Protein backbone atom coordinates (compact mmCIF):
# COMPACT_ATOMS: atom_id res chain seq x y z
CA UNK A 1 18.81 -1.15 10.24
CA UNK A 2 15.25 -0.16 9.47
CA UNK A 3 14.89 -2.72 6.66
CA UNK A 4 15.76 -5.53 9.05
CA UNK A 5 13.22 -4.24 11.57
CA UNK A 6 10.25 -3.70 9.27
CA UNK A 7 11.14 -5.08 5.80
CA UNK A 8 10.18 -1.84 4.05
CA UNK A 9 11.97 0.66 1.83
CA UNK A 10 11.10 3.77 -0.17
CA UNK A 11 13.09 4.49 -3.32
CA UNK A 12 13.27 7.70 -5.34
CA UNK A 13 14.77 7.83 -8.82
CA UNK A 14 15.25 11.12 -10.62
CA UNK A 15 17.46 12.76 -13.24
CA UNK A 16 19.70 15.11 -11.27
CA UNK A 17 20.76 16.86 -14.48
CA UNK A 18 17.25 18.28 -14.92
CA UNK A 19 15.92 21.42 -13.23
CA UNK A 20 14.21 20.78 -9.88
CA UNK A 21 10.97 22.14 -11.30
CA UNK A 22 10.88 19.46 -14.05
CA UNK A 23 8.84 17.13 -11.83
CA UNK A 24 10.59 14.13 -13.41
CA UNK A 25 10.82 11.33 -10.89
CA UNK A 26 9.70 7.85 -9.92
CA UNK A 27 8.80 6.94 -6.33
CA UNK A 28 8.62 3.33 -5.16
CA UNK A 29 7.23 1.86 -1.93
CA UNK A 30 8.84 -1.57 -1.62
CA UNK A 31 9.22 -4.70 0.47
CA UNK A 32 12.94 -5.14 1.14
CA UNK A 33 15.15 -7.93 2.41
CA UNK A 34 18.80 -8.81 2.78
CA UNK A 35 20.25 -10.81 -0.13
CA UNK A 36 21.70 -14.17 0.96
CA UNK A 37 25.42 -14.95 0.59
CA UNK A 38 24.86 -17.51 -2.20
CA UNK A 39 23.03 -15.00 -4.39
CA UNK A 40 25.62 -12.32 -3.62
CA UNK A 41 28.44 -14.69 -4.61
CA UNK A 42 26.75 -15.59 -7.93
CA UNK A 43 26.12 -11.90 -8.73
CA UNK A 44 29.73 -10.98 -7.91
CA UNK A 45 31.01 -13.77 -10.15
CA UNK A 46 28.93 -12.53 -13.11
CA UNK A 47 29.82 -8.85 -12.59
CA UNK A 48 33.55 -9.48 -12.04
CA UNK A 49 33.86 -11.95 -14.92
CA UNK A 50 32.31 -9.37 -17.26
CA UNK A 51 34.74 -6.70 -16.00
CA UNK A 52 37.78 -8.99 -15.93
CA UNK A 53 38.30 -8.34 -12.21
CA UNK A 54 38.95 -10.72 -9.30
CA UNK A 55 35.87 -11.82 -7.38
CA UNK A 56 35.72 -10.38 -3.82
CA UNK A 57 34.39 -12.38 -0.91
CA UNK A 58 30.59 -12.48 -0.59
CA UNK A 59 31.03 -11.77 3.12
CA UNK A 60 32.28 -8.30 2.13
CA UNK A 61 28.63 -7.63 1.14
CA UNK A 62 26.67 -9.74 3.64
CA UNK A 63 24.57 -8.81 6.69
CA UNK A 64 27.32 -7.55 9.00
CA UNK A 65 29.07 -5.48 6.34
CA UNK A 66 28.47 -1.74 5.92
CA UNK A 67 28.14 -2.65 2.21
CA UNK A 68 25.34 -5.19 2.77
CA UNK A 69 23.22 -5.90 -0.32
CA UNK A 70 19.42 -5.69 -0.18
CA UNK A 71 16.71 -6.44 -2.71
CA UNK A 72 13.46 -4.54 -3.13
CA UNK A 73 10.12 -5.61 -4.60
CA UNK A 74 7.85 -2.78 -5.69
CA UNK A 75 4.50 -2.59 -3.90
CA UNK A 76 3.36 0.84 -5.13
CA UNK A 77 4.90 3.11 -7.79
CA UNK A 78 4.26 6.78 -8.57
CA UNK A 79 5.44 9.21 -11.20
CA UNK A 80 4.95 12.95 -11.45
CA UNK A 81 2.83 15.26 -13.51
CA UNK A 82 4.15 18.80 -13.64
CA UNK A 83 1.64 21.62 -13.28
CA UNK A 84 3.20 24.79 -14.65
CA UNK A 85 0.24 27.12 -14.29
CA UNK A 86 0.70 30.16 -12.10
CA UNK A 87 3.95 31.62 -10.81
CA UNK A 88 5.19 28.54 -8.95
CA UNK A 89 5.22 25.18 -10.77
CA UNK A 90 4.23 22.18 -8.66
CA UNK A 91 4.17 18.48 -9.26
CA UNK A 92 1.55 15.86 -8.46
CA UNK A 93 2.30 12.19 -7.78
CA UNK A 94 0.24 9.81 -9.90
CA UNK A 95 0.15 6.14 -8.91
CA UNK A 96 1.12 3.84 -11.79
CA UNK A 97 1.33 0.46 -10.01
């Protein structure tokens, strides 16, 4: 996986219910790493207890699983400003962190 090779990730969060031309989005450049089995187990216990469900094995979400869990720490964050002048609206990324 790319995260394991270079420890980097890029995340995009947007509201898919809005029109594409809304420009609403957040972009995050992040350092990323695999979450260790102990932290996965504790998270699963909290989530499953709250939902009243049995706790699955942490190994179902560890490094060799296709459902491996990663964490990301934001390094740079951008949002958008929509420019609606002219015939074609366009958005501009503005760094906020």
